[in-house]
C-alpha atoms as a PDB file:
ATOM      1  CA  MET A   1       0.969 -16.926  17.165  1.00  0.00           C
ATOM      2  CA  LEU A   2      -0.761 -16.584  13.813  1.00  0.00           C
ATOM      3  CA  ASP A   3      -1.277 -19.669  11.708  1.00  0.00           C
ATOM      4  CA  THR A   4       0.044 -17.955   8.585  1.00  0.00           C
ATOM      5  CA  SER A   5      -0.669 -20.958   6.377  1.00  0.00           C
ATOM      6  CA  SER A   6      -4.388 -20.236   6.654  1.00  0.00           C
ATOM      7  CA  LEU A   7      -4.122 -16.511   5.909  1.00  0.00           C
ATOM      8  CA  ILE A   8      -4.433 -15.060   2.421  1.00  0.00           C
ATOM      9  CA  VAL A   9      -2.710 -11.743   1.714  1.00  0.00           C
ATOM     10  CA  VAL A  10      -3.146  -9.817  -1.544  1.00  0.00           C
ATOM     11  CA  VAL A  11      -0.235  -7.614  -2.604  1.00  0.00           C
ATOM     12  CA  THR A  12      -0.634  -5.095  -5.422  1.00  0.00           C
ATOM     13  CA  GLY A  13       2.392  -3.921  -7.357  1.00  0.00           C
ATOM     14  CA  ALA A  14       3.782  -7.432  -6.976  1.00  0.00           C
ATOM     15  CA  GLY A  15       5.730  -7.429 -10.232  1.00  0.00           C
ATOM     16  CA  SER A  16       8.688  -5.388  -8.997  1.00  0.00           C
ATOM     17  CA  GLY A  17      10.303  -3.377  -6.217  1.00  0.00           C
ATOM     18  CA  ILE A  18       8.712  -3.282  -2.799  1.00  0.00           C
ATOM     19  CA  GLY A  19       5.693  -5.312  -3.862  1.00  0.00           C
ATOM     20  CA  ARG A  20       7.897  -8.158  -5.099  1.00  0.00           C
ATOM     21  CA  ALA A  21       9.977  -8.073  -1.898  1.00  0.00           C
ATOM     22  CA  LEU A  22       6.823  -8.245   0.222  1.00  0.00           C
ATOM     23  CA  CYS A  23       5.597 -11.287  -1.714  1.00  0.00           C
ATOM     24  CA  VAL A  24       8.922 -13.050  -1.197  1.00  0.00           C
ATOM     25  CA  GLY A  25       8.937 -12.259   2.510  1.00  0.00           C
ATOM     26  CA  LEU A  26       5.326 -13.228   3.138  1.00  0.00           C
ATOM     27  CA  THR A  27       5.572 -16.529   1.305  1.00  0.00           C
ATOM     28  CA  SER A  28       8.792 -17.321   3.168  1.00  0.00           C
ATOM     29  CA  ASP A  29       6.860 -16.862   6.393  1.00  0.00           C
ATOM     30  CA  GLY A  30       4.112 -19.214   5.243  1.00  0.00           C
ATOM     31  CA  TYR A  31       1.397 -16.799   4.130  1.00  0.00           C
ATOM     32  CA  GLN A  32      -0.732 -17.622   1.114  1.00  0.00           C
ATOM     33  CA  VAL A  33      -0.031 -14.661  -1.179  1.00  0.00           C
ATOM     34  CA  VAL A  34      -1.786 -13.486  -4.314  1.00  0.00           C
ATOM     35  CA  GLY A  35       0.324 -11.024  -6.273  1.00  0.00           C
ATOM     36  CA  ILE A  36      -1.426  -8.415  -8.396  1.00  0.00           C
ATOM     37  CA  GLY A  37       0.147  -6.510 -11.279  1.00  0.00           C
ATOM     38  CA  ARG A  38      -0.326  -5.468 -14.866  1.00  0.00           C
ATOM     39  CA  GLY A  39       2.359  -7.612 -16.505  1.00  0.00           C
ATOM     40  CA  GLY A  40       2.344 -11.395 -16.544  1.00  0.00           C
ATOM     41  CA  ASP A  41       6.084 -11.671 -17.233  1.00  0.00           C
ATOM     42  CA  ALA A  42       6.943  -9.525 -14.208  1.00  0.00           C
ATOM     43  CA  LEU A  43       4.580 -11.476 -11.961  1.00  0.00           C
ATOM     44  CA  ALA A  44       6.025 -14.762 -13.212  1.00  0.00           C
ATOM     45  CA  ALA A  45       9.480 -13.452 -12.288  1.00  0.00           C
ATOM     46  CA  THR A  46       8.202 -12.729  -8.793  1.00  0.00           C
ATOM     47  CA  ALA A  47       6.704 -16.205  -8.599  1.00  0.00           C
ATOM     48  CA  ALA A  48      10.124 -17.694  -9.390  1.00  0.00           C
ATOM     49  CA  LEU A  49      11.474 -16.047  -6.218  1.00  0.00           C
ATOM     50  CA  CYS A  50       8.623 -17.147  -3.961  1.00  0.00           C
ATOM     51  CA  HIS A  51       7.718 -20.440  -2.373  1.00  0.00           C
ATOM     52  CA  ARG A  52       5.810 -22.123  -5.187  1.00  0.00           C
ATOM     53  CA  ASP A  53       3.036 -23.596  -3.033  1.00  0.00           C
ATOM     54  CA  THR A  54       2.220 -20.313  -1.310  1.00  0.00           C
ATOM     55  CA  PHE A  55       2.185 -17.832  -4.214  1.00  0.00           C
ATOM     56  CA  SER A  56      -0.205 -17.238  -7.064  1.00  0.00           C
ATOM     57  CA  TRP A  57      -0.709 -14.219  -9.263  1.00  0.00           C
ATOM     58  CA  ARG A  58      -3.292 -12.464 -11.342  1.00  0.00           C
ATOM     59  CA  CYS A  59      -3.039  -9.653 -13.890  1.00  0.00           C
ATOM     60  CA  ILE A  60      -5.268  -6.767 -12.801  1.00  0.00           C
ATOM     61  CA  ASP A  61      -4.938  -3.064 -13.553  1.00  0.00           C
ATOM     62  CA  VAL A  62      -5.835  -1.427 -10.233  1.00  0.00           C
ATOM     63  CA  ALA A  63      -6.803   1.744 -12.115  1.00  0.00           C
ATOM     64  CA  ASP A  64      -9.815  -0.149 -13.510  1.00  0.00           C
ATOM     65  CA  SER A  65     -12.515  -0.375 -10.834  1.00  0.00           C
ATOM     66  CA  ASN A  66     -14.476  -3.039 -12.686  1.00  0.00           C
ATOM     67  CA  ALA A  67     -11.380  -5.201 -13.190  1.00  0.00           C
ATOM     68  CA  VAL A  68     -10.529  -4.899  -9.493  1.00  0.00           C
ATOM     69  CA  ALA A  69     -14.050  -5.843  -8.392  1.00  0.00           C
ATOM     70  CA  ALA A  70     -14.217  -8.854 -10.721  1.00  0.00           C
ATOM     71  CA  GLY A  71     -10.650  -9.976 -10.112  1.00  0.00           C
ATOM     72  CA  PHE A  72     -10.816  -9.778  -6.345  1.00  0.00           C
ATOM     73  CA  ALA A  73     -14.153 -11.596  -6.304  1.00  0.00           C
ATOM     74  CA  ALA A  74     -12.531 -14.366  -8.344  1.00  0.00           C
ATOM     75  CA  ILE A  75      -9.595 -14.538  -5.927  1.00  0.00           C
ATOM     76  CA  GLU A  76     -11.882 -15.056  -2.944  1.00  0.00           C
ATOM     77  CA  ALA A  77     -14.013 -17.561  -4.847  1.00  0.00           C
ATOM     78  CA  GLU A  78     -10.951 -19.616  -5.768  1.00  0.00           C
ATOM     79  CA  SER A  79      -8.696 -19.189  -2.731  1.00  0.00           C
ATOM     80  CA  GLY A  80     -10.950 -18.178   0.129  1.00  0.00           C
ATOM     81  CA  PRO A  81     -11.464 -15.045   2.246  1.00  0.00           C
ATOM     82  CA  VAL A  82      -8.676 -12.479   2.065  1.00  0.00           C
ATOM     83  CA  TYR A  83      -7.244 -11.547   5.464  1.00  0.00           C
ATOM     84  CA  GLY A  84      -4.631  -8.995   4.421  1.00  0.00           C
ATOM     85  CA  LEU A  85      -4.300  -6.398   1.682  1.00  0.00           C
ATOM     86  CA  ILE A  86      -1.097  -4.499   0.957  1.00  0.00           C
ATOM     87  CA  CYS A  87      -1.530  -1.757  -1.635  1.00  0.00           C
ATOM     88  CA  GLY A  88       1.886  -1.197  -3.140  1.00  0.00           C
ATOM     89  CA  ALA A  89       1.084  -0.493  -6.792  1.00  0.00           C
ATOM     90  CA  ALA A  90       2.252   2.943  -7.907  1.00  0.00           C
ATOM     91  CA  ILE A  91       3.711   4.754 -10.895  1.00  0.00           C
ATOM     92  CA  TYR A  92       5.888   7.861 -11.059  1.00  0.00           C
ATOM     93  CA  GLN A  93       6.187   9.392 -14.518  1.00  0.00           C
ATOM     94  CA  ARG A  94       8.813  12.062 -13.624  1.00  0.00           C
ATOM     95  CA  ARG A  95       7.449  14.587 -16.091  1.00  0.00           C
ATOM     96  CA  TYR A  96       6.451  18.185 -15.671  1.00  0.00           C
ATOM     97  CA  PHE A  97       2.767  18.961 -15.239  1.00  0.00           C
ATOM     98  CA  LEU A  98       2.458  20.805 -18.571  1.00  0.00           C
ATOM     99  CA  ASP A  99       4.303  18.022 -20.405  1.00  0.00           C
ATOM    100  CA  LEU A 100       1.759  15.406 -19.351  1.00  0.00           C
ATOM    101  CA  THR A 101      -1.505  14.985 -21.191  1.00  0.00           C
ATOM    102  CA  ALA A 102      -4.639  15.155 -19.088  1.00  0.00           C
ATOM    103  CA  GLU A 103      -5.074  11.422 -19.592  1.00  0.00           C
ATOM    104  CA  GLU A 104      -1.513  10.629 -18.441  1.00  0.00           C
ATOM    105  CA  TRP A 105      -1.846  12.795 -15.343  1.00  0.00           C
ATOM    106  CA  THR A 106      -5.211  11.266 -14.499  1.00  0.00           C
ATOM    107  CA  TYR A 107      -3.954   7.714 -14.974  1.00  0.00           C
ATOM    108  CA  GLU A 108      -1.224   8.259 -12.379  1.00  0.00           C
ATOM    109  CA  ILE A 109      -3.879   9.446  -9.921  1.00  0.00           C
ATOM    110  CA  LEU A 110      -6.012   6.419 -10.791  1.00  0.00           C
ATOM    111  CA  VAL A 111      -3.198   3.943 -10.100  1.00  0.00           C
ATOM    112  CA  ASN A 112      -1.729   5.587  -7.010  1.00  0.00           C
ATOM    113  CA  LEU A 113      -4.838   6.869  -5.240  1.00  0.00           C
ATOM    114  CA  CYS A 114      -7.967   5.366  -6.752  1.00  0.00           C
ATOM    115  CA  GLY A 115      -6.330   1.937  -7.032  1.00  0.00           C
ATOM    116  CA  PRO A 116      -6.018   1.485  -3.249  1.00  0.00           C
ATOM    117  CA  ALA A 117      -9.555   2.788  -2.834  1.00  0.00           C
ATOM    118  CA  TYR A 118     -10.900   0.285  -5.381  1.00  0.00           C
ATOM    119  CA  CYS A 119      -9.035  -2.556  -3.648  1.00  0.00           C
ATOM    120  CA  CYS A 120     -10.382  -1.535  -0.242  1.00  0.00           C
ATOM    121  CA  ARG A 121     -13.899  -1.309  -1.659  1.00  0.00           C
ATOM    122  CA  ALA A 122     -13.572  -4.865  -2.964  1.00  0.00           C
ATOM    123  CA  LEU A 123     -12.197  -6.478   0.215  1.00  0.00           C
ATOM    124  CA  LEU A 124     -13.257  -4.347   3.170  1.00  0.00           C
ATOM    125  CA  PRO A 125     -16.898  -5.531   3.262  1.00  0.00           C
ATOM    126  CA  GLY A 126     -15.781  -9.146   3.746  1.00  0.00           C
ATOM    127  CA  MET A 127     -13.282  -8.151   6.415  1.00  0.00           C
ATOM    128  CA  LEU A 128     -15.999  -6.329   8.326  1.00  0.00           C
ATOM    129  CA  GLU A 129     -18.406  -9.242   7.957  1.00  0.00           C
ATOM    130  CA  ARG A 130     -15.785 -11.650   9.303  1.00  0.00           C
ATOM    131  CA  GLN A 131     -14.591  -9.041  11.838  1.00  0.00           C
ATOM    132  CA  ALA A 132     -10.989  -9.695  10.880  1.00  0.00           C
ATOM    133  CA  GLY A 133      -8.670  -8.027   8.391  1.00  0.00           C
ATOM    134  CA  ARG A 134      -5.565  -5.940   7.872  1.00  0.00           C
ATOM    135  CA  ILE A 135      -5.011  -3.299   5.206  1.00  0.00           C
ATOM    136  CA  VAL A 136      -1.632  -1.649   4.647  1.00  0.00           C
ATOM    137  CA  ILE A 137      -1.353   1.276   2.248  1.00  0.00           C
ATOM    138  CA  VAL A 138       2.192   1.949   1.046  1.00  0.00           C
ATOM    139  CA  GLY A 139       2.473   5.719   1.078  1.00  0.00           C
ATOM    140  CA  SER A 140       4.928   8.590   0.897  1.00  0.00           C
ATOM    141  CA  LEU A 141       5.492  12.095   2.223  1.00  0.00           C
ATOM    142  CA  ALA A 142       6.038  13.382  -1.322  1.00  0.00           C
ATOM    143  CA  ASP A 143       3.059  15.666  -0.818  1.00  0.00           C
ATOM    144  CA  THR A 144       4.678  17.595   2.048  1.00  0.00           C
ATOM    145  CA  SER A 145       7.542  18.976  -0.084  1.00  0.00           C
ATOM    146  CA  PRO A 146       6.731  18.335  -3.757  1.00  0.00           C
ATOM    147  CA  ILE A 147       9.637  18.441  -6.183  1.00  0.00           C
ATOM    148  CA  PRO A 148       9.512  19.354  -9.894  1.00  0.00           C
ATOM    149  CA  ALA A 149       8.063  16.742 -12.241  1.00  0.00           C
ATOM    150  CA  SER A 150       6.041  15.074  -9.485  1.00  0.00           C
ATOM    151  CA  SER A 151       2.667  16.818  -9.543  1.00  0.00           C
ATOM    152  CA  ALA A 152       0.525  13.714 -10.036  1.00  0.00           C
ATOM    153  CA  TYR A 153       2.648  11.539  -7.754  1.00  0.00           C
ATOM    154  CA  SER A 154       2.710  14.071  -4.920  1.00  0.00           C
ATOM    155  CA  THR A 155      -1.005  14.764  -5.243  1.00  0.00           C
ATOM    156  CA  SER A 156      -1.872  11.060  -5.180  1.00  0.00           C
ATOM    157  CA  LYS A 157       0.309  10.334  -2.161  1.00  0.00           C
ATOM    158  CA  GLY A 158      -1.224  13.208  -0.227  1.00  0.00           C
ATOM    159  CA  GLY A 159      -4.631  11.772  -0.953  1.00  0.00           C
ATOM    160  CA  LEU A 160      -3.657   8.440   0.589  1.00  0.00           C
ATOM    161  CA  HIS A 161      -3.219  10.038   4.021  1.00  0.00           C
ATOM    162  CA  ALA A 162      -6.799  11.276   3.835  1.00  0.00           C
ATOM    163  CA  LEU A 163      -8.103   7.990   2.432  1.00  0.00           C
ATOM    164  CA  VAL A 164      -6.732   5.967   5.357  1.00  0.00           C
ATOM    165  CA  ARG A 165      -8.139   8.356   7.954  1.00  0.00           C
ATOM    166  CA  ALA A 166     -11.482   8.614   6.175  1.00  0.00           C
ATOM    167  CA  LEU A 167     -11.945   4.854   5.951  1.00  0.00           C
ATOM    168  CA  VAL A 168     -11.093   4.382   9.617  1.00  0.00           C
ATOM    169  CA  SER A 169     -13.489   7.164  10.615  1.00  0.00           C
ATOM    170  CA  GLU A 170     -16.341   5.118   9.129  1.00  0.00           C
ATOM    171  CA  ILE A 171     -15.497   1.901  10.975  1.00  0.00           C
ATOM    172  CA  ASP A 172     -16.941   1.456  14.460  1.00  0.00           C
ATOM    173  CA  ARG A 173     -13.827   0.837  16.540  1.00  0.00           C
ATOM    174  CA  ALA A 174     -15.747  -0.880  19.339  1.00  0.00           C
ATOM    175  CA  ARG A 175     -17.559  -3.207  16.960  1.00  0.00           C
ATOM    176  CA  TYR A 176     -14.618  -3.965  14.652  1.00  0.00           C
ATOM    177  CA  PRO A 177     -11.445  -3.899  16.770  1.00  0.00           C
ATOM    178  CA  ASN A 178      -9.884  -6.572  14.569  1.00  0.00           C
ATOM    179  CA  VAL A 179     -10.088  -4.659  11.279  1.00  0.00           C
ATOM    180  CA  LEU A 180      -7.060  -2.375  11.057  1.00  0.00           C
ATOM    181  CA  ILE A 181      -6.046   0.020   8.277  1.00  0.00           C
ATOM    182  CA  ASN A 182      -2.676   1.765   8.392  1.00  0.00           C
ATOM    183  CA  GLU A 183      -0.252   3.558   6.096  1.00  0.00           C
ATOM    184  CA  LEU A 184       3.381   2.490   5.762  1.00  0.00           C
ATOM    185  CA  LEU A 185       6.052   4.903   4.559  1.00  0.00           C
ATOM    186  CA  PRO A 186       9.004   2.867   3.238  1.00  0.00           C
ATOM    187  CA  GLY A 187      11.346   5.847   2.911  1.00  0.00           C
ATOM    188  CA  GLU A 188      14.036   5.978   0.258  1.00  0.00           C
ATOM    189  CA  THR A 189      14.107   2.559  -1.375  1.00  0.00           C
ATOM    190  CA  ARG A 190      16.072   1.376  -4.381  1.00  0.00           C
ATOM    191  CA  THR A 191      13.411   0.610  -6.967  1.00  0.00           C
ATOM    192  CA  ALA A 192      12.596   1.662 -10.518  1.00  0.00           C
ATOM    193  CA  MET A 193      11.538   4.989  -8.994  1.00  0.00           C
ATOM    194  CA  SER A 194      14.805   5.654  -7.153  1.00  0.00           C
ATOM    195  CA  ASP A 195      18.427   4.527  -7.299  1.00  0.00           C
ATOM    196  CA  VAL A 196      19.168   5.482  -3.681  1.00  0.00           C
ATOM    197  CA  GLY A 197      18.093   4.126  -0.314  1.00  0.00           C
ATOM    198  CA  HIS A 198      17.741   0.725   1.270  1.00  0.00           C
ATOM    199  CA  PRO A 199      16.831  -2.430  -0.671  1.00  0.00           C
ATOM    200  CA  PRO A 200      13.131  -3.304  -0.996  1.00  0.00           C
ATOM    201  CA  SER A 201      13.612  -6.320   1.261  1.00  0.00           C
ATOM    202  CA  ALA A 202      14.350  -3.938   4.162  1.00  0.00           C
ATOM    203  CA  VAL A 203      10.706  -2.807   4.099  1.00  0.00           C
ATOM    204  CA  TYR A 204       9.282  -6.283   4.654  1.00  0.00           C
ATOM    205  CA  PRO A 205       9.680  -6.601   8.450  1.00  0.00           C
ATOM    206  CA  PHE A 206       7.695  -3.412   8.961  1.00  0.00           C
ATOM    207  CA  ALA A 207       4.899  -4.401   6.584  1.00  0.00           C
ATOM    208  CA  LYS A 208       4.771  -7.768   8.331  1.00  0.00           C
ATOM    209  CA  ARG A 209       4.427  -6.007  11.681  1.00  0.00           C
ATOM    210  CA  LEU A 210       1.331  -4.167  10.448  1.00  0.00           C
ATOM    211  CA  ILE A 211      -0.194  -7.334   8.984  1.00  0.00           C
ATOM    212  CA  GLU A 212       0.403  -9.160  12.270  1.00  0.00           C
ATOM    213  CA  MET A 213      -0.946  -6.472  14.602  1.00  0.00           C
ATOM    214  CA  SER A 214      -3.298  -7.771  17.250  1.00  0.00           C
ATOM    215  CA  ALA A 215      -6.935  -6.735  17.564  1.00  0.00           C
ATOM    216  CA  GLY A 216      -7.270  -3.348  19.213  1.00  0.00           C
ATOM    217  CA  GLU A 217      -3.856  -2.099  18.118  1.00  0.00           C
ATOM    218  CA  PRO A 218      -3.505   1.238  16.274  1.00  0.00           C
ATOM    219  CA  THR A 219      -5.541   1.907  13.164  1.00  0.00           C
ATOM    220  CA  GLY A 220      -5.676   4.930  10.890  1.00  0.00           C
ATOM    221  CA  ARG A 221      -2.033   5.715  11.649  1.00  0.00           C
ATOM    222  CA  ILE A 222       1.056   6.478   9.578  1.00  0.00           C
ATOM    223  CA  PHE A 223       4.227   4.498  10.227  1.00  0.00           C
ATOM    224  CA  ALA A 224       7.636   5.437   8.853  1.00  0.00           C
ATOM    225  CA  LEU A 225       8.989   1.893   9.071  1.00  0.00           C
ATOM    226  CA  ASP A 226       9.095   1.280  12.856  1.00  0.00           C
ATOM    227  CA  ARG A 227       8.149   4.802  13.960  1.00  0.00           C
ATOM    228  CA  GLU A 228       4.691   6.344  14.046  1.00  0.00           C
ATOM    229  CA  ILE A 229       4.583   9.865  12.663  1.00  0.00           C
ATOM    230  CA  PHE A 230       2.030  12.630  12.957  1.00  0.00           C
ATOM    231  CA  LEU A 231       1.558  14.933   9.993  1.00  0.00           C
ATOM    232  CA  ASP A 232       0.307  17.837  12.116  1.00  0.00           C
ATOM    233  CA  GLU A 233       3.439  17.696  14.240  1.00  0.00           C
ATOM    234  CA  ARG A 234       5.623  17.708  11.128  1.00  0.00           C
ATOM    235  CA  LEU A 235       3.853  20.832   9.911  1.00  0.00           C
ATOM    236  CA  LYS A 236       4.216  22.582  13.274  1.00  0.00           C
ATOM    237  CA  ALA A 237       7.919  21.721  13.429  1.00  0.00           C
ATOM    238  CA  ARG A 238       8.444  23.073   9.917  1.00  0.00           C
ATOM    239  CA  LEU A 239       6.652  26.319  10.741  1.00  0.00           C
ATOM    240  CA  LEU A 240       8.735  26.758  13.884  1.00  0.00           C
ATOM    241  CA  ARG A 241      11.942  26.232  11.938  1.00  0.00           C
ATOM    242  CA  MET A 242      10.825  28.790   9.379  1.00  0.00           C
ATOM    243  CA  LEU A 243       9.837  31.264  12.074  1.00  0.00           C
ATOM    244  CA  PHE A 244      12.995  31.030  14.159  1.00  0.00           C
ATOM    245  CA  GLY A 245      15.171  30.916  11.081  1.00  0.00           C
ATOM    246  CA  PHE A 246      13.576  34.173   9.902  1.00  0.00           C
ATOM    247  CA  MET A 247      13.960  35.765  13.351  1.00  0.00           C
ATOM    248  CA  ARG A 248      17.679  34.984  13.364  1.00  0.00           C
END
């Protein structure tokens, strides 16, 4: 059993939605949680729902690499080594590609894709040095069937699949069996991005499972809640459906 009281988990996107629900769940289970977000009022609202002694927060824009590096260094200096990182920060502007300025489109990519990369860059070296750490990237399959007004969002979420696999490919599995990086797909969830699906709290047990994986368990994988999925198999299945549908 993990002694959760000694483990620090950083959650980005902690001011609302899934990120807030993960903070509430983790603190309820005794983890020391640091919530990251852009708005102090939203983070304070999250803090009001969490166990006071196990939650703290810090305003950091994950799209700013320098702010992430400085902020995460301060977190470890003040609270101690970070064991877990859950990257949940994301924005979805719901506007057509040609209606977005270049800066607006780029900022969505920065938050959704570069943000997790910046956070991993800040914390992964320490995890490798200590030979212990868990990283969970909250992802989506929006890239597999993009819908209108989602160009930046779909592009960023597709990049996360590659980011997870690329990071894992650079970590010696034999040397670092206790550093695991996985992607979690929450599915349709009722948040500011969607008014359908399950409540954000329903995602927590599955994020907790990834944080509490034992050394040597899967890494570089994609989990749709409790089920591992394989993107190549999804593509093959889609092609077969298209083929046989056409033949009929």
